[in-house]
Amino acid sequence: MMLLAAAGAEQTSEVLVYTALAGYVIAAPAIHFAHGNPGRAMGSLGIRVGLPLVLGGATYEASACSGEFCAVGAVFFGTLGALGAMAIDAAVFAYEPASGDARRLAPVIALNPGMTYFGARGAF
């Protein structure tokens, strides 16, 4: 009976890990896509998958150990890559341009018979 309960707990924790991983990879790109930004969605997906794999894989390949704790550095740096990817996503991809009251600046060229004007017009 105890063995069955342990197997159920292990399976439950595995499901939770995969659910959390799927949420990490899919949630932010889905939100970018829902806001009408497919380019940001692809960038977010790329950085959320790529950065942890690159950092974790490079760390694993660079380590010259052959024991059972070799993957600890790869997991650590992969986790740092995931945290960095979330920070980059929030800082670079996750913003909406202000509507209506945005600052605007446009060049102006006026050619009249008595005057030629080059300048800029804007709203601040």
PDB file of N, CA and C in Angstrom:
ATOM      1  N   MET A   1       0.830  -1.188   0.000  1.00  0.00           N
ATOM      2  CA  MET A   1       0.000   0.000   0.000  1.00  0.00           C
ATOM      3  C   MET A   1       0.874   1.250   0.000  1.00  0.00           C
ATOM      4  N   MET A   2       1.962   1.226   0.775  1.00  0.00           N
ATOM      5  CA  MET A   2       2.846   2.377   0.855  1.00  0.00           C
ATOM      6  C   MET A   2       3.540   2.615  -0.485  1.00  0.00           C
ATOM      7  N   LEU A   3       3.899   1.553  -1.189  1.00  0.00           N
ATOM      8  CA  LEU A   3       4.550   1.670  -2.486  1.00  0.00           C
ATOM      9  C   LEU A   3       3.615   2.336  -3.493  1.00  0.00           C
ATOM     10  N   LEU A   4       2.348   1.994  -3.451  1.00  0.00           N
ATOM     11  CA  LEU A   4       1.366   2.591  -4.348  1.00  0.00           C
ATOM     12  C   LEU A   4       1.206   4.072  -4.060  1.00  0.00           C
ATOM     13  N   ALA A   5       1.190   4.454  -2.807  1.00  0.00           N
ATOM     14  CA  ALA A   5       1.066   5.872  -2.441  1.00  0.00           C
ATOM     15  C   ALA A   5       2.299   6.652  -2.886  1.00  0.00           C
ATOM     16  N   ALA A   6       3.486   6.061  -2.762  1.00  0.00           N
ATOM     17  CA  ALA A   6       4.706   6.737  -3.190  1.00  0.00           C
ATOM     18  C   ALA A   6       4.722   6.917  -4.699  1.00  0.00           C
ATOM     19  N   ALA A   7       4.251   5.912  -5.438  1.00  0.00           N
ATOM     20  CA  ALA A   7       4.208   6.021  -6.897  1.00  0.00           C
ATOM     21  C   ALA A   7       3.219   7.098  -7.315  1.00  0.00           C
ATOM     22  N   GLY A   8       2.110   7.226  -6.614  1.00  0.00           N
ATOM     23  CA  GLY A   8       1.127   8.261  -6.926  1.00  0.00           C
ATOM     24  C   GLY A   8       1.679   9.649  -6.665  1.00  0.00           C
ATOM     25  N   ALA A   9       2.437   9.811  -5.590  1.00  0.00           N
ATOM     26  CA  ALA A   9       3.027  11.104  -5.273  1.00  0.00           C
ATOM     27  C   ALA A   9       4.092  11.481  -6.295  1.00  0.00           C
ATOM     28  N   GLU A  10       4.859  10.491  -6.726  1.00  0.00           N
ATOM     29  CA  GLU A  10       5.891  10.755  -7.729  1.00  0.00           C
ATOM     30  C   GLU A  10       5.249  11.168  -9.054  1.00  0.00           C
ATOM     31  N   GLN A  11       4.182  10.504  -9.421  1.00  0.00           N
ATOM     32  CA  GLN A  11       3.496  10.834 -10.664  1.00  0.00           C
ATOM     33  C   GLN A  11       2.852  12.216 -10.573  1.00  0.00           C
ATOM     34  N   THR A  12       2.294  12.552  -9.423  1.00  0.00           N
ATOM     35  CA  THR A  12       1.696  13.867  -9.222  1.00  0.00           C
ATOM     36  C   THR A  12       2.744  14.960  -9.311  1.00  0.00           C
ATOM     37  N   SER A  13       3.893  14.755  -8.707  1.00  0.00           N
ATOM     38  CA  SER A  13       4.938  15.772  -8.772  1.00  0.00           C
ATOM     39  C   SER A  13       5.471  15.921 -10.188  1.00  0.00           C
ATOM     40  N   GLU A  14       5.524  14.840 -10.931  1.00  0.00           N
ATOM     41  CA  GLU A  14       5.951  14.908 -12.328  1.00  0.00           C
ATOM     42  C   GLU A  14       4.966  15.725 -13.155  1.00  0.00           C
ATOM     43  N   VAL A  15       3.687  15.514 -12.930  1.00  0.00           N
ATOM     44  CA  VAL A  15       2.656  16.282 -13.631  1.00  0.00           C
ATOM     45  C   VAL A  15       2.780  17.766 -13.288  1.00  0.00           C
ATOM     46  N   LEU A  16       3.024  18.072 -12.030  1.00  0.00           N
ATOM     47  CA  LEU A  16       3.176  19.465 -11.622  1.00  0.00           C
ATOM     48  C   LEU A  16       4.395  20.122 -12.261  1.00  0.00           C
ATOM     49  N   VAL A  17       5.481  19.388 -12.372  1.00  0.00           N
ATOM     50  CA  VAL A  17       6.699  19.928 -12.995  1.00  0.00           C
ATOM     51  C   VAL A  17       6.439  20.229 -14.465  1.00  0.00           C
ATOM     52  N   TYR A  18       5.811  19.308 -15.178  1.00  0.00           N
ATOM     53  CA  TYR A  18       5.538  19.532 -16.601  1.00  0.00           C
ATOM     54  C   TYR A  18       4.517  20.651 -16.806  1.00  0.00           C
ATOM     55  N   THR A  19       3.549  20.767 -15.916  1.00  0.00           N
ATOM     56  CA  THR A  19       2.575  21.848 -16.007  1.00  0.00           C
ATOM     57  C   THR A  19       3.243  23.198 -15.785  1.00  0.00           C
ATOM     58  N   ALA A  20       4.117  23.281 -14.793  1.00  0.00           N
ATOM     59  CA  ALA A  20       4.835  24.530 -14.544  1.00  0.00           C
ATOM     60  C   ALA A  20       5.750  24.881 -15.707  1.00  0.00           C
ATOM     61  N   LEU A  21       6.420  23.897 -16.264  1.00  0.00           N
ATOM     62  CA  LEU A  21       7.302  24.130 -17.407  1.00  0.00           C
ATOM     63  C   LEU A  21       6.506  24.619 -18.619  1.00  0.00           C
ATOM     64  N   ALA A  22       5.362  24.011 -18.867  1.00  0.00           N
ATOM     65  CA  ALA A  22       4.513  24.448 -19.974  1.00  0.00           C
ATOM     66  C   ALA A  22       4.005  25.872 -19.746  1.00  0.00           C
ATOM     67  N   GLY A  23       3.650  26.197 -18.515  1.00  0.00           N
ATOM     68  CA  GLY A  23       3.215  27.557 -18.202  1.00  0.00           C
ATOM     69  C   GLY A  23       4.314  28.569 -18.416  1.00  0.00           C
ATOM     70  N   TYR A  24       5.532  28.216 -18.028  1.00  0.00           N
ATOM     71  CA  TYR A  24       6.686  29.102 -18.226  1.00  0.00           C
ATOM     72  C   TYR A  24       6.921  29.360 -19.712  1.00  0.00           C
ATOM     73  N   VAL A  25       6.851  28.301 -20.520  1.00  0.00           N
ATOM     74  CA  VAL A  25       7.176  28.427 -21.940  1.00  0.00           C
ATOM     75  C   VAL A  25       6.033  29.066 -22.730  1.00  0.00           C
ATOM     76  N   ILE A  26       4.792  28.749 -22.419  1.00  0.00           N
ATOM     77  CA  ILE A  26       3.667  29.126 -23.271  1.00  0.00           C
ATOM     78  C   ILE A  26       2.929  30.387 -22.824  1.00  0.00           C
ATOM     79  N   ALA A  27       2.852  30.672 -21.533  1.00  0.00           N
ATOM     80  CA  ALA A  27       1.967  31.735 -21.044  1.00  0.00           C
ATOM     81  C   ALA A  27       2.318  33.117 -21.593  1.00  0.00           C
ATOM     82  N   ALA A  28       3.543  33.557 -21.435  1.00  0.00           N
ATOM     83  CA  ALA A  28       3.907  34.905 -21.885  1.00  0.00           C
ATOM     84  C   ALA A  28       3.797  35.051 -23.402  1.00  0.00           C
ATOM     85  N   PRO A  29       4.295  34.104 -24.209  1.00  0.00           N
ATOM     86  CA  PRO A  29       4.090  34.246 -25.652  1.00  0.00           C
ATOM     87  C   PRO A  29       2.610  34.271 -26.043  1.00  0.00           C
ATOM     88  N   ALA A  30       1.779  33.500 -25.351  1.00  0.00           N
ATOM     89  CA  ALA A  30       0.346  33.515 -25.651  1.00  0.00           C
ATOM     90  C   ALA A  30      -0.263  34.879 -25.353  1.00  0.00           C
ATOM     91  N   ILE A  31       0.183  35.525 -24.283  1.00  0.00           N
ATOM     92  CA  ILE A  31      -0.325  36.855 -23.948  1.00  0.00           C
ATOM     93  C   ILE A  31       0.127  37.868 -24.989  1.00  0.00           C
ATOM     94  N   HIS A  32       1.397  37.804 -25.416  1.00  0.00           N
ATOM     95  CA  HIS A  32       1.868  38.700 -26.464  1.00  0.00           C
ATOM     96  C   HIS A  32       1.050  38.497 -27.742  1.00  0.00           C
ATOM     97  N   PHE A  33       0.799  37.250 -28.096  1.00  0.00           N
ATOM     98  CA  PHE A  33       0.031  36.948 -29.302  1.00  0.00           C
ATOM     99  C   PHE A  33      -1.407  37.446 -29.178  1.00  0.00           C
ATOM    100  N   ALA A  34      -2.006  37.283 -28.012  1.00  0.00           N
ATOM    101  CA  ALA A  34      -3.381  37.747 -27.795  1.00  0.00           C
ATOM    102  C   ALA A  34      -3.488  39.266 -27.878  1.00  0.00           C
ATOM    103  N   HIS A  35      -2.414  39.968 -27.573  1.00  0.00           N
ATOM    104  CA  HIS A  35      -2.409  41.428 -27.683  1.00  0.00           C
ATOM    105  C   HIS A  35      -2.068  41.899 -29.089  1.00  0.00           C
ATOM    106  N   GLY A  36      -1.972  40.977 -30.029  1.00  0.00           N
ATOM    107  CA  GLY A  36      -1.721  41.339 -31.414  1.00  0.00           C
ATOM    108  C   GLY A  36      -0.265  41.584 -31.736  1.00  0.00           C
ATOM    109  N   ASN A  37       0.634  40.968 -31.008  1.00  0.00           N
ATOM    110  CA  ASN A  37       2.070  41.129 -31.224  1.00  0.00           C
ATOM    111  C   ASN A  37       2.723  39.780 -31.504  1.00  0.00           C
ATOM    112  N   PRO A  38       2.530  39.218 -32.714  1.00  0.00           N
ATOM    113  CA  PRO A  38       3.110  37.899 -32.984  1.00  0.00           C
ATOM    114  C   PRO A  38       4.641  37.911 -33.002  1.00  0.00           C
ATOM    115  N   GLY A  39       5.261  39.010 -33.398  1.00  0.00           N
ATOM    116  CA  GLY A  39       6.723  39.085 -33.374  1.00  0.00           C
ATOM    117  C   GLY A  39       7.263  39.020 -31.959  1.00  0.00           C
ATOM    118  N   ARG A  40       6.623  39.748 -31.055  1.00  0.00           N
ATOM    119  CA  ARG A  40       7.031  39.688 -29.644  1.00  0.00           C
ATOM    120  C   ARG A  40       6.775  38.309 -29.067  1.00  0.00           C
ATOM    121  N   ALA A  41       5.697  37.658 -29.512  1.00  0.00           N
ATOM    122  CA  ALA A  41       5.395  36.309 -29.028  1.00  0.00           C
ATOM    123  C   ALA A  41       6.499  35.337 -29.431  1.00  0.00           C
ATOM    124  N   MET A  42       6.950  35.439 -30.673  1.00  0.00           N
ATOM    125  CA  MET A  42       8.020  34.548 -31.128  1.00  0.00           C
ATOM    126  C   MET A  42       9.349  34.878 -30.426  1.00  0.00           C
ATOM    127  N   GLY A  43       9.618  36.157 -30.214  1.00  0.00           N
ATOM    128  CA  GLY A  43      10.819  36.540 -29.480  1.00  0.00           C
ATOM    129  C   GLY A  43      10.797  36.030 -28.048  1.00  0.00           C
ATOM    130  N   SER A  44       9.649  36.160 -27.418  1.00  0.00           N
ATOM    131  CA  SER A  44       9.491  35.684 -26.049  1.00  0.00           C
ATOM    132  C   SER A  44       9.673  34.171 -25.971  1.00  0.00           C
ATOM    133  N   LEU A  45       9.059  33.460 -26.901  1.00  0.00           N
ATOM    134  CA  LEU A  45       9.199  32.003 -26.926  1.00  0.00           C
ATOM    135  C   LEU A  45      10.651  31.605 -27.160  1.00  0.00           C
ATOM    136  N   GLY A  46      11.301  32.273 -28.091  1.00  0.00           N
ATOM    137  CA  GLY A  46      12.691  31.957 -28.392  1.00  0.00           C
ATOM    138  C   GLY A  46      13.620  32.183 -27.217  1.00  0.00           C
ATOM    139  N   ILE A  47      13.439  33.304 -26.530  1.00  0.00           N
ATOM    140  CA  ILE A  47      14.337  33.596 -25.411  1.00  0.00           C
ATOM    141  C   ILE A  47      14.021  32.718 -24.200  1.00  0.00           C
ATOM    142  N   ARG A  48      12.750  32.374 -24.005  1.00  0.00           N
ATOM    143  CA  ARG A  48      12.384  31.531 -22.866  1.00  0.00           C
ATOM    144  C   ARG A  48      12.859  30.084 -23.039  1.00  0.00           C
ATOM    145  N   VAL A  49      12.953  29.629 -24.260  1.00  0.00           N
ATOM    146  CA  VAL A  49      13.457  28.280 -24.508  1.00  0.00           C
ATOM    147  C   VAL A  49      14.975  28.306 -24.700  1.00  0.00           C
ATOM    148  N   GLY A  50      15.458  29.268 -25.469  1.00  0.00           N
ATOM    149  CA  GLY A  50      16.856  29.287 -25.861  1.00  0.00           C
ATOM    150  C   GLY A  50      17.836  29.616 -24.761  1.00  0.00           C
ATOM    151  N   LEU A  51      17.563  30.653 -23.986  1.00  0.00           N
ATOM    152  CA  LEU A  51      18.533  31.094 -22.983  1.00  0.00           C
ATOM    153  C   LEU A  51      18.822  30.032 -21.916  1.00  0.00           C
ATOM    154  N   PRO A  52      17.813  29.383 -21.338  1.00  0.00           N
ATOM    155  CA  PRO A  52      18.133  28.321 -20.376  1.00  0.00           C
ATOM    156  C   PRO A  52      18.873  27.140 -21.014  1.00  0.00           C
ATOM    157  N   LEU A  53      18.493  26.778 -22.240  1.00  0.00           N
ATOM    158  CA  LEU A  53      19.181  25.667 -22.903  1.00  0.00           C
ATOM    159  C   LEU A  53      20.629  26.012 -23.217  1.00  0.00           C
ATOM    160  N   VAL A  54      20.867  27.227 -23.675  1.00  0.00           N
ATOM    161  CA  VAL A  54      22.235  27.621 -24.011  1.00  0.00           C
ATOM    162  C   VAL A  54      23.101  27.688 -22.753  1.00  0.00           C
ATOM    163  N   LEU A  55      22.612  28.365 -21.710  1.00  0.00           N
ATOM    164  CA  LEU A  55      23.408  28.474 -20.486  1.00  0.00           C
ATOM    165  C   LEU A  55      23.605  27.125 -19.804  1.00  0.00           C
ATOM    166  N   GLY A  56      22.540  26.347 -19.692  1.00  0.00           N
ATOM    167  CA  GLY A  56      22.654  25.035 -19.062  1.00  0.00           C
ATOM    168  C   GLY A  56      23.507  24.086 -19.884  1.00  0.00           C
ATOM    169  N   GLY A  57      23.309  24.065 -21.193  1.00  0.00           N
ATOM    170  CA  GLY A  57      24.086  23.182 -22.057  1.00  0.00           C
ATOM    171  C   GLY A  57      25.553  23.559 -22.104  1.00  0.00           C
ATOM    172  N   ALA A  58      25.832  24.860 -22.182  1.00  0.00           N
ATOM    173  CA  ALA A  58      27.229  25.300 -22.203  1.00  0.00           C
ATOM    174  C   ALA A  58      27.919  24.965 -20.892  1.00  0.00           C
ATOM    175  N   THR A  59      27.222  25.120 -19.780  1.00  0.00           N
ATOM    176  CA  THR A  59      27.805  24.784 -18.484  1.00  0.00           C
ATOM    177  C   THR A  59      28.069  23.295 -18.382  1.00  0.00           C
ATOM    178  N   TYR A  60      27.136  22.488 -18.854  1.00  0.00           N
ATOM    179  CA  TYR A  60      27.318  21.038 -18.794  1.00  0.00           C
ATOM    180  C   TYR A  60      28.490  20.597 -19.663  1.00  0.00           C
ATOM    181  N   GLU A  61      28.593  21.156 -20.856  1.00  0.00           N
ATOM    182  CA  GLU A  61      29.681  20.792 -21.758  1.00  0.00           C
ATOM    183  C   GLU A  61      31.032  21.304 -21.254  1.00  0.00           C
ATOM    184  N   ALA A  62      31.031  22.442 -20.579  1.00  0.00           N
ATOM    185  CA  ALA A  62      32.291  23.017 -20.099  1.00  0.00           C
ATOM    186  C   ALA A  62      32.815  22.302 -18.855  1.00  0.00           C
ATOM    187  N   SER A  63      31.916  21.662 -18.108  1.00  0.00           N
ATOM    188  CA  SER A  63      32.375  20.970 -16.903  1.00  0.00           C
ATOM    189  C   SER A  63      33.059  19.667 -17.306  1.00  0.00           C
ATOM    190  N   ALA A  64      34.116  19.361 -16.611  1.00  0.00           N
ATOM    191  CA  ALA A  64      34.891  18.159 -16.941  1.00  0.00           C
ATOM    192  C   ALA A  64      34.705  17.090 -15.875  1.00  0.00           C
ATOM    193  N   CYS A  65      33.547  17.053 -15.249  1.00  0.00           N
ATOM    194  CA  CYS A  65      33.345  16.059 -14.196  1.00  0.00           C
ATOM    195  C   CYS A  65      32.616  14.843 -14.755  1.00  0.00           C
ATOM    196  N   SER A  66      32.685  13.761 -14.024  1.00  0.00           N
ATOM    197  CA  SER A  66      32.033  12.530 -14.470  1.00  0.00           C
ATOM    198  C   SER A  66      31.283  11.855 -13.326  1.00  0.00           C
ATOM    199  N   GLY A  67      30.928  12.632 -12.313  1.00  0.00           N
ATOM    200  CA  GLY A  67      30.220  12.049 -11.171  1.00  0.00           C
ATOM    201  C   GLY A  67      28.723  12.267 -11.285  1.00  0.00           C
ATOM    202  N   GLU A  68      28.052  11.966 -10.192  1.00  0.00           N
ATOM    203  CA  GLU A  68      26.599  12.091 -10.212  1.00  0.00           C
ATOM    204  C   GLU A  68      26.125  13.524 -10.006  1.00  0.00           C
ATOM    205  N   PHE A  69      27.012  14.441  -9.619  1.00  0.00           N
ATOM    206  CA  PHE A  69      26.627  15.823  -9.404  1.00  0.00           C
ATOM    207  C   PHE A  69      27.033  16.728 -10.570  1.00  0.00           C
ATOM    208  N   CYS A  70      27.314  16.171 -11.712  1.00  0.00           N
ATOM    209  CA  CYS A  70      27.745  16.963 -12.873  1.00  0.00           C
ATOM    210  C   CYS A  70      26.640  17.881 -13.375  1.00  0.00           C
ATOM    211  N   ALA A  71      25.424  17.453 -13.259  1.00  0.00           N
ATOM    212  CA  ALA A  71      24.325  18.237 -13.802  1.00  0.00           C
ATOM    213  C   ALA A  71      23.908  19.381 -12.885  1.00  0.00           C
ATOM    214  N   VAL A  72      24.450  19.461 -11.685  1.00  0.00           N
ATOM    215  CA  VAL A  72      24.042  20.512 -10.749  1.00  0.00           C
ATOM    216  C   VAL A  72      24.359  21.892 -11.310  1.00  0.00           C
ATOM    217  N   GLY A  73      25.545  22.070 -11.865  1.00  0.00           N
ATOM    218  CA  GLY A  73      25.907  23.353 -12.457  1.00  0.00           C
ATOM    219  C   GLY A  73      25.041  23.695 -13.642  1.00  0.00           C
ATOM    220  N   ALA A  74      24.736  22.698 -14.474  1.00  0.00           N
ATOM    221  CA  ALA A  74      23.882  22.921 -15.635  1.00  0.00           C
ATOM    222  C   ALA A  74      22.474  23.319 -15.204  1.00  0.00           C
ATOM    223  N   VAL A  75      21.950  22.667 -14.183  1.00  0.00           N
ATOM    224  CA  VAL A  75      20.618  23.015 -13.682  1.00  0.00           C
ATOM    225  C   VAL A  75      20.638  24.415 -13.083  1.00  0.00           C
ATOM    226  N   PHE A  76      21.684  24.738 -12.337  1.00  0.00           N
ATOM    227  CA  PHE A  76      21.792  26.063 -11.726  1.00  0.00           C
ATOM    228  C   PHE A  76      21.834  27.154 -12.802  1.00  0.00           C
ATOM    229  N   PHE A  77      22.711  26.997 -13.786  1.00  0.00           N
ATOM    230  CA  PHE A  77      22.827  28.023 -14.819  1.00  0.00           C
ATOM    231  C   PHE A  77      21.630  28.004 -15.774  1.00  0.00           C
ATOM    232  N   GLY A  78      21.005  26.858 -15.967  1.00  0.00           N
ATOM    233  CA  GLY A  78      19.763  26.810 -16.732  1.00  0.00           C
ATOM    234  C   GLY A  78      18.653  27.579 -16.029  1.00  0.00           C
ATOM    235  N   THR A  79      18.601  27.448 -14.698  1.00  0.00           N
ATOM    236  CA  THR A  79      17.625  28.206 -13.918  1.00  0.00           C
ATOM    237  C   THR A  79      17.917  29.698 -13.982  1.00  0.00           C
ATOM    238  N   LEU A  80      19.199  30.068 -13.894  1.00  0.00           N
ATOM    239  CA  LEU A  80      19.555  31.482 -14.066  1.00  0.00           C
ATOM    240  C   LEU A  80      19.157  31.983 -15.448  1.00  0.00           C
ATOM    241  N   GLY A  81      19.306  31.137 -16.459  1.00  0.00           N
ATOM    242  CA  GLY A  81      18.874  31.506 -17.803  1.00  0.00           C
ATOM    243  C   GLY A  81      17.373  31.725 -17.878  1.00  0.00           C
ATOM    244  N   ALA A  82      16.605  30.886 -17.191  1.00  0.00           N
ATOM    245  CA  ALA A  82      15.152  31.053 -17.174  1.00  0.00           C
ATOM    246  C   ALA A  82      14.760  32.347 -16.472  1.00  0.00           C
ATOM    247  N   LEU A  83      15.406  32.642 -15.358  1.00  0.00           N
ATOM    248  CA  LEU A  83      15.115  33.891 -14.654  1.00  0.00           C
ATOM    249  C   LEU A  83      15.517  35.103 -15.501  1.00  0.00           C
ATOM    250  N   GLY A  84      16.659  34.995 -16.171  1.00  0.00           N
ATOM    251  CA  GLY A  84      17.086  36.067 -17.062  1.00  0.00           C
ATOM    252  C   GLY A  84      16.135  36.239 -18.233  1.00  0.00           C
ATOM    253  N   ALA A  85      15.638  35.146 -18.781  1.00  0.00           N
ATOM    254  CA  ALA A  85      14.690  35.215 -19.888  1.00  0.00           C
ATOM    255  C   ALA A  85      13.400  35.908 -19.459  1.00  0.00           C
ATOM    256  N   MET A  86      12.931  35.614 -18.247  1.00  0.00           N
ATOM    257  CA  MET A  86      11.728  36.280 -17.754  1.00  0.00           C
ATOM    258  C   MET A  86      11.970  37.777 -17.575  1.00  0.00           C
ATOM    259  N   ALA A  87      13.146  38.132 -17.069  1.00  0.00           N
ATOM    260  CA  ALA A  87      13.464  39.552 -16.876  1.00  0.00           C
ATOM    261  C   ALA A  87      13.574  40.273 -18.216  1.00  0.00           C
ATOM    262  N   ILE A  88      14.229  39.650 -19.191  1.00  0.00           N
ATOM    263  CA  ILE A  88      14.353  40.265 -20.514  1.00  0.00           C
ATOM    264  C   ILE A  88      12.989  40.381 -21.172  1.00  0.00           C
ATOM    265  N   ASP A  89      12.169  39.368 -21.031  1.00  0.00           N
ATOM    266  CA  ASP A  89      10.818  39.411 -21.594  1.00  0.00           C
ATOM    267  C   ASP A  89      10.037  40.574 -21.005  1.00  0.00           C
ATOM    268  N   ALA A  90      10.111  40.735 -19.691  1.00  0.00           N
ATOM    269  CA  ALA A  90       9.377  41.820 -19.039  1.00  0.00           C
ATOM    270  C   ALA A  90       9.920  43.188 -19.422  1.00  0.00           C
ATOM    271  N   ALA A  91      11.232  43.305 -19.568  1.00  0.00           N
ATOM    272  CA  ALA A  91      11.837  44.607 -19.846  1.00  0.00           C
ATOM    273  C   ALA A  91      11.767  44.991 -21.316  1.00  0.00           C
ATOM    274  N   VAL A  92      11.865  44.012 -22.221  1.00  0.00           N
ATOM    275  CA  VAL A  92      11.973  44.330 -23.644  1.00  0.00           C
ATOM    276  C   VAL A  92      10.667  44.105 -24.395  1.00  0.00           C
ATOM    277  N   PHE A  93      10.015  42.973 -24.180  1.00  0.00           N
ATOM    278  CA  PHE A  93       8.854  42.617 -24.984  1.00  0.00           C
ATOM    279  C   PHE A  93       7.521  43.040 -24.383  1.00  0.00           C
ATOM    280  N   ALA A  94       7.426  43.129 -23.074  1.00  0.00           N
ATOM    281  CA  ALA A  94       6.130  43.307 -22.414  1.00  0.00           C
ATOM    282  C   ALA A  94       5.823  44.774 -22.146  1.00  0.00           C
ATOM    283  N   TYR A  95       5.519  45.484 -23.182  1.00  0.00           N
ATOM    284  CA  TYR A  95       5.058  46.853 -23.008  1.00  0.00           C
ATOM    285  C   TYR A  95       4.066  47.155 -24.110  1.00  0.00           C
ATOM    286  N   GLU A  96       3.157  48.025 -23.832  1.00  0.00           N
ATOM    287  CA  GLU A  96       2.181  48.475 -24.805  1.00  0.00           C
ATOM    288  C   GLU A  96       2.432  49.949 -25.061  1.00  0.00           C
ATOM    289  N   PRO A  97       2.479  50.357 -26.309  1.00  0.00           N
ATOM    290  CA  PRO A  97       2.639  51.785 -26.572  1.00  0.00           C
ATOM    291  C   PRO A  97       1.422  52.553 -26.065  1.00  0.00           C
ATOM    292  N   ALA A  98       1.679  53.721 -25.523  1.00  0.00           N
ATOM    293  CA  ALA A  98       0.587  54.541 -25.006  1.00  0.00           C
ATOM    294  C   ALA A  98      -0.294  54.971 -26.168  1.00  0.00           C
ATOM    295  N   SER A  99      -1.582  54.943 -25.956  1.00  0.00           N
ATOM    296  CA  SER A  99      -2.502  55.342 -27.020  1.00  0.00           C
ATOM    297  C   SER A  99      -3.081  56.711 -26.715  1.00  0.00           C
ATOM    298  N   GLY A 100      -3.172  57.526 -27.730  1.00  0.00           N
ATOM    299  CA  GLY A 100      -3.799  58.830 -27.574  1.00  0.00           C
ATOM    300  C   GLY A 100      -2.855  59.912 -27.096  1.00  0.00           C
ATOM    301  N   ASP A 101      -2.240  59.741 -25.959  1.00  0.00           N
ATOM    302  CA  ASP A 101      -1.418  60.805 -25.399  1.00  0.00           C
ATOM    303  C   ASP A 101       0.080  60.531 -25.572  1.00  0.00           C
ATOM    304  N   ALA A 102       0.434  59.783 -26.610  1.00  0.00           N
ATOM    305  CA  ALA A 102       1.843  59.458 -26.833  1.00  0.00           C
ATOM    306  C   ALA A 102       2.597  60.691 -27.322  1.00  0.00           C
ATOM    307  N   ARG A 103       3.854  60.747 -26.981  1.00  0.00           N
ATOM    308  CA  ARG A 103       4.705  61.824 -27.481  1.00  0.00           C
ATOM    309  C   ARG A 103       4.972  61.570 -28.959  1.00  0.00           C
ATOM    310  N   ARG A 104       4.809  62.630 -29.741  1.00  0.00           N
ATOM    311  CA  ARG A 104       5.016  62.504 -31.176  1.00  0.00           C
ATOM    312  C   ARG A 104       5.917  63.626 -31.654  1.00  0.00           C
ATOM    313  N   LEU A 105       6.742  63.312 -32.613  1.00  0.00           N
ATOM    314  CA  LEU A 105       7.606  64.299 -33.233  1.00  0.00           C
ATOM    315  C   LEU A 105       7.680  63.958 -34.712  1.00  0.00           C
ATOM    316  N   ALA A 106       7.410  64.962 -35.569  1.00  0.00           N
ATOM    317  CA  ALA A 106       7.409  64.730 -37.005  1.00  0.00           C
ATOM    318  C   ALA A 106       8.128  65.872 -37.710  1.00  0.00           C
ATOM    319  N   PRO A 107       8.850  65.553 -38.771  1.00  0.00           N
ATOM    320  CA  PRO A 107       9.505  66.623 -39.523  1.00  0.00           C
ATOM    321  C   PRO A 107       8.475  67.397 -40.350  1.00  0.00           C
ATOM    322  N   VAL A 108       8.735  68.681 -40.548  1.00  0.00           N
ATOM    323  CA  VAL A 108       7.844  69.538 -41.323  1.00  0.00           C
ATOM    324  C   VAL A 108       8.674  70.254 -42.385  1.00  0.00           C
ATOM    325  N   ILE A 109       8.190  70.217 -43.611  1.00  0.00           N
ATOM    326  CA  ILE A 109       8.812  70.953 -44.706  1.00  0.00           C
ATOM    327  C   ILE A 109       7.703  71.748 -45.381  1.00  0.00           C
ATOM    328  N   ALA A 110       7.857  73.049 -45.425  1.00  0.00           N
ATOM    329  CA  ALA A 110       6.866  73.917 -46.066  1.00  0.00           C
ATOM    330  C   ALA A 110       7.554  74.693 -47.182  1.00  0.00           C
ATOM    331  N   LEU A 111       7.034  74.556 -48.374  1.00  0.00           N
ATOM    332  CA  LEU A 111       7.573  75.263 -49.522  1.00  0.00           C
ATOM    333  C   LEU A 111       6.505  76.207 -50.053  1.00  0.00           C
ATOM    334  N   ASN A 112       6.692  77.482 -49.846  1.00  0.00           N
ATOM    335  CA  ASN A 112       5.783  78.522 -50.320  1.00  0.00           C
ATOM    336  C   ASN A 112       6.560  79.443 -51.257  1.00  0.00           C
ATOM    337  N   PRO A 113       5.862  80.231 -52.079  1.00  0.00           N
ATOM    338  CA  PRO A 113       6.579  81.126 -52.972  1.00  0.00           C
ATOM    339  C   PRO A 113       7.487  82.117 -52.242  1.00  0.00           C
ATOM    340  N   GLY A 114       7.121  82.571 -51.084  1.00  0.00           N
ATOM    341  CA  GLY A 114       7.934  83.564 -50.396  1.00  0.00           C
ATOM    342  C   GLY A 114       8.751  83.004 -49.243  1.00  0.00           C
ATOM    343  N   MET A 115       8.599  81.724 -48.935  1.00  0.00           N
ATOM    344  CA  MET A 115       9.278  81.195 -47.748  1.00  0.00           C
ATOM    345  C   MET A 115       9.467  79.679 -47.884  1.00  0.00           C
ATOM    346  N   THR A 116      10.584  79.199 -47.397  1.00  0.00           N
ATOM    347  CA  THR A 116      10.842  77.760 -47.275  1.00  0.00           C
ATOM    348  C   THR A 116      11.136  77.477 -45.809  1.00  0.00           C
ATOM    349  N   TYR A 117      10.470  76.477 -45.264  1.00  0.00           N
ATOM    350  CA  TYR A 117      10.577  76.230 -43.841  1.00  0.00           C
ATOM    351  C   TYR A 117      10.902  74.746 -43.618  1.00  0.00           C
ATOM    352  N   PHE A 118      11.919  74.481 -42.842  1.00  0.00           N
ATOM    353  CA  PHE A 118      12.252  73.133 -42.390  1.00  0.00           C
ATOM    354  C   PHE A 118      12.184  73.154 -40.871  1.00  0.00           C
ATOM    355  N   GLY A 119      11.498  72.202 -40.290  1.00  0.00           N
ATOM    356  CA  GLY A 119      11.405  72.196 -38.827  1.00  0.00           C
ATOM    357  C   GLY A 119      10.825  70.889 -38.325  1.00  0.00           C
ATOM    358  N   ALA A 120      10.326  70.967 -37.140  1.00  0.00           N
ATOM    359  CA  ALA A 120       9.718  69.803 -36.508  1.00  0.00           C
ATOM    360  C   ALA A 120       8.479  70.237 -35.759  1.00  0.00           C
ATOM    361  N   ARG A 121       7.533  69.355 -35.727  1.00  0.00           N
ATOM    362  CA  ARG A 121       6.284  69.593 -35.006  1.00  0.00           C
ATOM    363  C   ARG A 121       6.060  68.386 -34.122  1.00  0.00           C
ATOM    364  N   GLY A 122       5.567  68.615 -32.932  1.00  0.00           N
ATOM    365  CA  GLY A 122       5.361  67.497 -32.034  1.00  0.00           C
ATOM    366  C   GLY A 122       4.329  67.779 -30.972  1.00  0.00           C
ATOM    367  N   ALA A 123       3.969  66.747 -30.279  1.00  0.00           N
ATOM    368  CA  ALA A 123       3.080  66.837 -29.137  1.00  0.00           C
ATOM    369  C   ALA A 123       3.780  66.147 -27.960  1.00  0.00           C
ATOM    370  N   PHE A 124       3.841  66.863 -26.864  1.00  0.00           N
ATOM    371  CA  PHE A 124       4.562  66.346 -25.703  1.00  0.00           C
ATOM    372  C   PHE A 124       3.667  66.316 -24.493  1.00  0.00           C
TER     373      PHE A 124
END
